[in-house]
């Protein structure tokens, strides 16, 4: 299982020490930009799934390209 945590900087060092001390946990830090990218990709996949289920209306790619 993978978990992404958002922790205050002043508390993160202590929690990372605790996590790394557990033999069954692999913990590493990522940059804020990478965390944001992960969240945006996750949101995009959720939106795509809603479109496939018919719960969200999609927009043609041609319209998107015309805006660029």
PDB file of N, CA and C in Angstrom:
ATOM      1  N   UNK A   1       0.843  -1.172   0.000  1.00  0.00           N
ATOM      2  CA  UNK A   1       0.000   0.000   0.000  1.00  0.00           C
ATOM      3  C   UNK A   1       0.890   1.236   0.000  1.00  0.00           C
ATOM      4  N   UNK A   2       0.496   2.221  -0.770  1.00  0.00           N
ATOM      5  CA  UNK A   2       1.230   3.477  -0.805  1.00  0.00           C
ATOM      6  C   UNK A   2       0.348   4.565  -0.214  1.00  0.00           C
ATOM      7  N   UNK A   3       0.978   5.448   0.558  1.00  0.00           N
ATOM      8  CA  UNK A   3       0.258   6.529   1.226  1.00  0.00           C
ATOM      9  C   UNK A   3       1.021   7.820   0.997  1.00  0.00           C
ATOM     10  N   UNK A   4       0.308   8.868   0.642  1.00  0.00           N
ATOM     11  CA  UNK A   4       0.912  10.188   0.479  1.00  0.00           C
ATOM     12  C   UNK A   4       0.417  11.056   1.626  1.00  0.00           C
ATOM     13  N   UNK A   5       1.339  11.561   2.424  1.00  0.00           N
ATOM     14  CA  UNK A   5       0.994  12.376   3.595  1.00  0.00           C
ATOM     15  C   UNK A   5       1.421  13.815   3.374  1.00  0.00           C
ATOM     16  N   UNK A   6       0.649  14.746   3.898  1.00  0.00           N
ATOM     17  CA  UNK A   6       1.008  16.162   3.869  1.00  0.00           C
ATOM     18  C   UNK A   6       1.246  16.562   5.326  1.00  0.00           C
ATOM     19  N   UNK A   7       2.507  16.816   5.673  1.00  0.00           N
ATOM     20  CA  UNK A   7       2.898  17.046   7.066  1.00  0.00           C
ATOM     21  C   UNK A   7       3.580  18.402   7.186  1.00  0.00           C
ATOM     22  N   UNK A   8       3.298  19.106   8.263  1.00  0.00           N
ATOM     23  CA  UNK A   8       3.970  20.384   8.518  1.00  0.00           C
ATOM     24  C   UNK A   8       5.472  20.145   8.608  1.00  0.00           C
ATOM     25  N   UNK A   9       6.255  21.068   8.048  1.00  0.00           N
ATOM     26  CA  UNK A   9       7.712  20.901   8.010  1.00  0.00           C
ATOM     27  C   UNK A   9       8.319  20.678   9.390  1.00  0.00           C
ATOM     28  N   UNK A  10       7.832  21.382  10.387  1.00  0.00           N
ATOM     29  CA  UNK A  10       8.428  21.256  11.724  1.00  0.00           C
ATOM     30  C   UNK A  10       8.114  19.912  12.387  1.00  0.00           C
ATOM     31  N   UNK A  11       7.166  19.159  11.855  1.00  0.00           N
ATOM     32  CA  UNK A  11       6.815  17.846  12.406  1.00  0.00           C
ATOM     33  C   UNK A  11       7.319  16.700  11.524  1.00  0.00           C
ATOM     34  N   UNK A  12       7.677  17.001  10.298  1.00  0.00           N
ATOM     35  CA  UNK A  12       7.999  15.952   9.329  1.00  0.00           C
ATOM     36  C   UNK A  12       9.254  15.173   9.686  1.00  0.00           C
ATOM     37  N   UNK A  13      10.274  15.852  10.173  1.00  0.00           N
ATOM     38  CA  UNK A  13      11.541  15.166  10.467  1.00  0.00           C
ATOM     39  C   UNK A  13      11.326  14.067  11.498  1.00  0.00           C
ATOM     40  N   UNK A  14      10.605  14.377  12.553  1.00  0.00           N
ATOM     41  CA  UNK A  14      10.362  13.383  13.609  1.00  0.00           C
ATOM     42  C   UNK A  14       9.555  12.202  13.072  1.00  0.00           C
ATOM     43  N   UNK A  15       8.503  12.486  12.323  1.00  0.00           N
ATOM     44  CA  UNK A  15       7.671  11.400  11.797  1.00  0.00           C
ATOM     45  C   UNK A  15       8.458  10.534  10.816  1.00  0.00           C
ATOM     46  N   UNK A  16       9.289  11.146   9.978  1.00  0.00           N
ATOM     47  CA  UNK A  16      10.100  10.362   9.038  1.00  0.00           C
ATOM     48  C   UNK A  16      11.064   9.444   9.783  1.00  0.00           C
ATOM     49  N   UNK A  17      11.631   9.903  10.881  1.00  0.00           N
ATOM     50  CA  UNK A  17      12.506   9.048  11.687  1.00  0.00           C
ATOM     51  C   UNK A  17      11.747   7.842  12.215  1.00  0.00           C
ATOM     52  N   UNK A  18      10.532   8.082  12.693  1.00  0.00           N
ATOM     53  CA  UNK A  18       9.711   6.983  13.214  1.00  0.00           C
ATOM     54  C   UNK A  18       9.384   5.991  12.104  1.00  0.00           C
ATOM     55  N   UNK A  19       8.955   6.501  10.946  1.00  0.00           N
ATOM     56  CA  UNK A  19       8.591   5.615   9.843  1.00  0.00           C
ATOM     57  C   UNK A  19       9.787   4.803   9.352  1.00  0.00           C
ATOM     58  N   UNK A  20      10.935   5.453   9.228  1.00  0.00           N
ATOM     59  CA  UNK A  20      12.124   4.747   8.747  1.00  0.00           C
ATOM     60  C   UNK A  20      12.631   3.714   9.742  1.00  0.00           C
ATOM     61  N   UNK A  21      12.283   3.852  11.014  1.00  0.00           N
ATOM     62  CA  UNK A  21      12.715   2.885  12.022  1.00  0.00           C
ATOM     63  C   UNK A  21      11.896   1.591  11.971  1.00  0.00           C
ATOM     64  N   UNK A  22      10.766   1.624  11.296  1.00  0.00           N
ATOM     65  CA  UNK A  22       9.930   0.430  11.177  1.00  0.00           C
ATOM     66  C   UNK A  22      10.449  -0.433  10.031  1.00  0.00           C
ATOM     67  N   UNK A  23      10.753  -1.710  10.303  1.00  0.00           N
ATOM     68  CA  UNK A  23      11.363  -2.556   9.270  1.00  0.00           C
ATOM     69  C   UNK A  23      10.443  -2.845   8.083  1.00  0.00           C
ATOM     70  N   UNK A  24       9.144  -2.705   8.235  1.00  0.00           N
ATOM     71  CA  UNK A  24       8.194  -3.023   7.183  1.00  0.00           C
ATOM     72  C   UNK A  24       7.720  -1.793   6.412  1.00  0.00           C
ATOM     73  N   UNK A  25       8.348  -0.638   6.663  1.00  0.00           N
ATOM     74  CA  UNK A  25       7.968   0.606   5.991  1.00  0.00           C
ATOM     75  C   UNK A  25       9.161   1.155   5.211  1.00  0.00           C
ATOM     76  N   UNK A  26       8.919   1.497   3.948  1.00  0.00           N
ATOM     77  CA  UNK A  26       9.912   2.202   3.146  1.00  0.00           C
ATOM     78  C   UNK A  26       9.390   3.622   2.992  1.00  0.00           C
ATOM     79  N   UNK A  27      10.112   4.593   3.519  1.00  0.00           N
ATOM     80  CA  UNK A  27       9.661   5.983   3.485  1.00  0.00           C
ATOM     81  C   UNK A  27      10.689   6.846   2.777  1.00  0.00           C
ATOM     82  N   UNK A  28      10.199   7.739   1.922  1.00  0.00           N
ATOM     83  CA  UNK A  28      11.084   8.709   1.277  1.00  0.00           C
ATOM     84  C   UNK A  28      10.310  10.003   1.100  1.00  0.00           C
ATOM     85  N   UNK A  29      11.016  11.101   1.045  1.00  0.00           N
ATOM     86  CA  UNK A  29      10.374  12.396   0.873  1.00  0.00           C
ATOM     87  C   UNK A  29      10.320  12.733  -0.622  1.00  0.00           C
ATOM     88  N   UNK A  30       9.316  13.521  -0.993  1.00  0.00           N
ATOM     89  CA  UNK A  30       9.197  14.015  -2.356  1.00  0.00           C
ATOM     90  C   UNK A  30       9.003  15.520  -2.292  1.00  0.00           C
ATOM     91  N   UNK A  31       9.285  16.181  -3.378  1.00  0.00           N
ATOM     92  CA  UNK A  31       9.145  17.638  -3.419  1.00  0.00           C
ATOM     93  C   UNK A  31       7.660  18.021  -3.465  1.00  0.00           C
ATOM     94  N   UNK A  32       7.399  19.246  -3.116  1.00  0.00           N
ATOM     95  CA  UNK A  32       6.034  19.749  -3.181  1.00  0.00           C
ATOM     96  C   UNK A  32       5.488  19.735  -4.599  1.00  0.00           C
ATOM     97  N   UNK A  33       6.357  20.019  -5.565  1.00  0.00           N
ATOM     98  CA  UNK A  33       5.943  20.009  -6.964  1.00  0.00           C
ATOM     99  C   UNK A  33       5.540  18.610  -7.409  1.00  0.00           C
ATOM    100  N   UNK A  34       6.308  17.616  -6.982  1.00  0.00           N
ATOM    101  CA  UNK A  34       5.991  16.235  -7.354  1.00  0.00           C
ATOM    102  C   UNK A  34       4.678  15.797  -6.692  1.00  0.00           C
ATOM    103  N   UNK A  35       4.474  16.193  -5.447  1.00  0.00           N
ATOM    104  CA  UNK A  35       3.227  15.853  -4.754  1.00  0.00           C
ATOM    105  C   UNK A  35       2.036  16.491  -5.468  1.00  0.00           C
ATOM    106  N   UNK A  36       2.199  17.744  -5.910  1.00  0.00           N
ATOM    107  CA  UNK A  36       1.137  18.432  -6.633  1.00  0.00           C
ATOM    108  C   UNK A  36       0.842  17.724  -7.955  1.00  0.00           C
ATOM    109  N   UNK A  37       1.891  17.322  -8.659  1.00  0.00           N
ATOM    110  CA  UNK A  37       1.719  16.601  -9.916  1.00  0.00           C
ATOM    111  C   UNK A  37       0.951  15.300  -9.694  1.00  0.00           C
ATOM    112  N   UNK A  38       1.287  14.579  -8.654  1.00  0.00           N
ATOM    113  CA  UNK A  38       0.595  13.323  -8.342  1.00  0.00           C
ATOM    114  C   UNK A  38      -0.888  13.586  -8.093  1.00  0.00           C
ATOM    115  N   UNK A  39      -1.185  14.628  -7.328  1.00  0.00           N
ATOM    116  CA  UNK A  39      -2.584  14.963  -7.040  1.00  0.00           C
ATOM    117  C   UNK A  39      -3.334  15.355  -8.312  1.00  0.00           C
ATOM    118  N   UNK A  40      -2.696  16.118  -9.193  1.00  0.00           N
ATOM    119  CA  UNK A  40      -3.344  16.539 -10.436  1.00  0.00           C
ATOM    120  C   UNK A  40      -3.600  15.349 -11.359  1.00  0.00           C
ATOM    121  N   UNK A  41      -2.656  14.436 -11.427  1.00  0.00           N
ATOM    122  CA  UNK A  41      -2.847  13.236 -12.250  1.00  0.00           C
ATOM    123  C   UNK A  41      -3.982  12.394 -11.676  1.00  0.00           C
ATOM    124  N   UNK A  42      -4.016  12.262 -10.369  1.00  0.00           N
ATOM    125  CA  UNK A  42      -5.081  11.491  -9.719  1.00  0.00           C
ATOM    126  C   UNK A  42      -6.450  12.110 -10.037  1.00  0.00           C
ATOM    127  N   UNK A  43      -6.542  13.427  -9.951  1.00  0.00           N
ATOM    128  CA  UNK A  43      -7.794  14.112 -10.252  1.00  0.00           C
ATOM    129  C   UNK A  43      -8.191  13.908 -11.718  1.00  0.00           C
ATOM    130  N   UNK A  44      -7.217  13.946 -12.613  1.00  0.00           N
ATOM    131  CA  UNK A  44      -7.488  13.735 -14.038  1.00  0.00           C
ATOM    132  C   UNK A  44      -8.037  12.338 -14.302  1.00  0.00           C
ATOM    133  N   UNK A  45      -7.455  11.351 -13.653  1.00  0.00           N
ATOM    134  CA  UNK A  45      -7.929   9.966 -13.816  1.00  0.00           C
ATOM    135  C   UNK A  45      -9.346   9.828 -13.269  1.00  0.00           C
ATOM    136  N   UNK A  46      -9.624  10.457 -12.137  1.00  0.00           N
ATOM    137  CA  UNK A  46     -10.973  10.405 -11.574  1.00  0.00           C
ATOM    138  C   UNK A  46     -11.979  11.055 -12.523  1.00  0.00           C
ATOM    139  N   UNK A  47     -11.601  12.196 -13.118  1.00  0.00           N
ATOM    140  CA  UNK A  47     -12.486  12.861 -14.077  1.00  0.00           C
ATOM    141  C   UNK A  47     -12.717  11.990 -15.302  1.00  0.00           C
ATOM    142  N   UNK A  48     -11.668  11.346 -15.791  1.00  0.00           N
ATOM    143  CA  UNK A  48     -11.806  10.459 -16.945  1.00  0.00           C
ATOM    144  C   UNK A  48     -12.764   9.318 -16.629  1.00  0.00           C
ATOM    145  N   UNK A  49     -12.662   8.763 -15.447  1.00  0.00           N
ATOM    146  CA  UNK A  49     -13.572   7.686 -15.047  1.00  0.00           C
ATOM    147  C   UNK A  49     -15.015   8.182 -14.975  1.00  0.00           C
ATOM    148  N   UNK A  50     -15.222   9.419 -14.505  1.00  0.00           N
ATOM    149  CA  UNK A  50     -16.569   9.988 -14.463  1.00  0.00           C
ATOM    150  C   UNK A  50     -17.117  10.190 -15.875  1.00  0.00           C
ATOM    151  N   UNK A  51     -16.264  10.597 -16.810  1.00  0.00           N
ATOM    152  CA  UNK A  51     -16.687  10.753 -18.203  1.00  0.00           C
ATOM    153  C   UNK A  51     -17.101   9.397 -18.758  1.00  0.00           C
ATOM    154  N   UNK A  52     -16.307   8.375 -18.504  1.00  0.00           N
ATOM    155  CA  UNK A  52     -16.625   7.033 -19.009  1.00  0.00           C
ATOM    156  C   UNK A  52     -17.938   6.519 -18.442  1.00  0.00           C
ATOM    157  N   UNK A  53     -18.267   6.922 -17.198  1.00  0.00           N
ATOM    158  CA  UNK A  53     -19.508   6.501 -16.563  1.00  0.00           C
ATOM    159  C   UNK A  53     -20.689   7.365 -16.982  1.00  0.00           C
ATOM    160  N   UNK A  54     -20.415   8.429 -17.735  1.00  0.00           N
ATOM    161  CA  UNK A  54     -21.476   9.323 -18.179  1.00  0.00           C
ATOM    162  C   UNK A  54     -21.901  10.334 -17.130  1.00  0.00           C
ATOM    163  N   UNK A  55     -21.150  10.479 -16.067  1.00  0.00           N
ATOM    164  CA  UNK A  55     -21.481  11.409 -14.988  1.00  0.00           C
ATOM    165  C   UNK A  55     -20.861  12.792 -15.184  1.00  0.00           C
ATOM    166  N   UNK A  56     -19.965  12.902 -16.167  1.00  0.00           N
ATOM    167  CA  UNK A  56     -19.295  14.167 -16.452  1.00  0.00           C
ATOM    168  C   UNK A  56     -19.193  14.289 -17.966  1.00  0.00           C
ATOM    169  N   UNK A  57     -19.480  15.488 -18.469  1.00  0.00           N
ATOM    170  CA  UNK A  57     -19.451  15.686 -19.911  1.00  0.00           C
ATOM    171  C   UNK A  57     -18.039  16.027 -20.366  1.00  0.00           C
ATOM    172  N   UNK A  58     -17.585  15.342 -21.398  1.00  0.00           N
ATOM    173  CA  UNK A  58     -16.254  15.578 -21.958  1.00  0.00           C
ATOM    174  C   UNK A  58     -16.323  16.668 -23.016  1.00  0.00           C
ATOM    175  N   UNK A  59     -15.179  17.194 -23.335  1.00  0.00           N
ATOM    176  CA  UNK A  59     -15.068  18.230 -24.352  1.00  0.00           C
ATOM    177  C   UNK A  59     -14.176  17.675 -25.469  1.00  0.00           C
ATOM    178  N   UNK A  60     -14.545  17.892 -26.709  1.00  0.00           N
ATOM    179  CA  UNK A  60     -13.732  17.356 -27.807  1.00  0.00           C
ATOM    180  C   UNK A  60     -12.304  17.898 -27.780  1.00  0.00           C
ATOM    181  N   UNK A  61     -11.349  17.034 -28.100  1.00  0.00           N
ATOM    182  CA  UNK A  61      -9.935  17.426 -28.107  1.00  0.00           C
ATOM    183  C   UNK A  61      -9.686  18.522 -29.136  1.00  0.00           C
ATOM    184  N   UNK A  62     -10.432  18.502 -30.229  1.00  0.00           N
ATOM    185  CA  UNK A  62     -10.280  19.524 -31.267  1.00  0.00           C
ATOM    186  C   UNK A  62     -10.550  20.921 -30.699  1.00  0.00           C
ATOM    187  N   UNK A  63     -11.575  21.048 -29.853  1.00  0.00           N
ATOM    188  CA  UNK A  63     -11.882  22.335 -29.218  1.00  0.00           C
ATOM    189  C   UNK A  63     -10.731  22.778 -28.318  1.00  0.00           C
ATOM    190  N   UNK A  64     -10.177  21.849 -27.589  1.00  0.00           N
ATOM    191  CA  UNK A  64      -9.056  22.159 -26.710  1.00  0.00           C
ATOM    192  C   UNK A  64      -7.847  22.642 -27.511  1.00  0.00           C
ATOM    193  N   UNK A  65      -7.537  21.948 -28.588  1.00  0.00           N
ATOM    194  CA  UNK A  65      -6.410  22.330 -29.426  1.00  0.00           C
ATOM    195  C   UNK A  65      -6.621  23.688 -30.090  1.00  0.00           C
ATOM    196  N   UNK A  66      -7.856  23.989 -30.445  1.00  0.00           N
ATOM    197  CA  UNK A  66      -8.149  25.288 -31.047  1.00  0.00           C
ATOM    198  C   UNK A  66      -7.911  26.439 -30.074  1.00  0.00           C
ATOM    199  N   UNK A  67      -8.075  26.183 -28.786  1.00  0.00           N
ATOM    200  CA  UNK A  67      -7.820  27.217 -27.781  1.00  0.00           C
ATOM    201  C   UNK A  67      -6.336  27.522 -27.659  1.00  0.00           C
ATOM    202  N   UNK A  68      -5.497  26.541 -27.956  1.00  0.00           N
ATOM    203  CA  UNK A  68      -4.056  26.751 -27.853  1.00  0.00           C
ATOM    204  C   UNK A  68      -3.577  27.580 -29.005  1.00  0.00           C
TER     205      UNK A  68
END
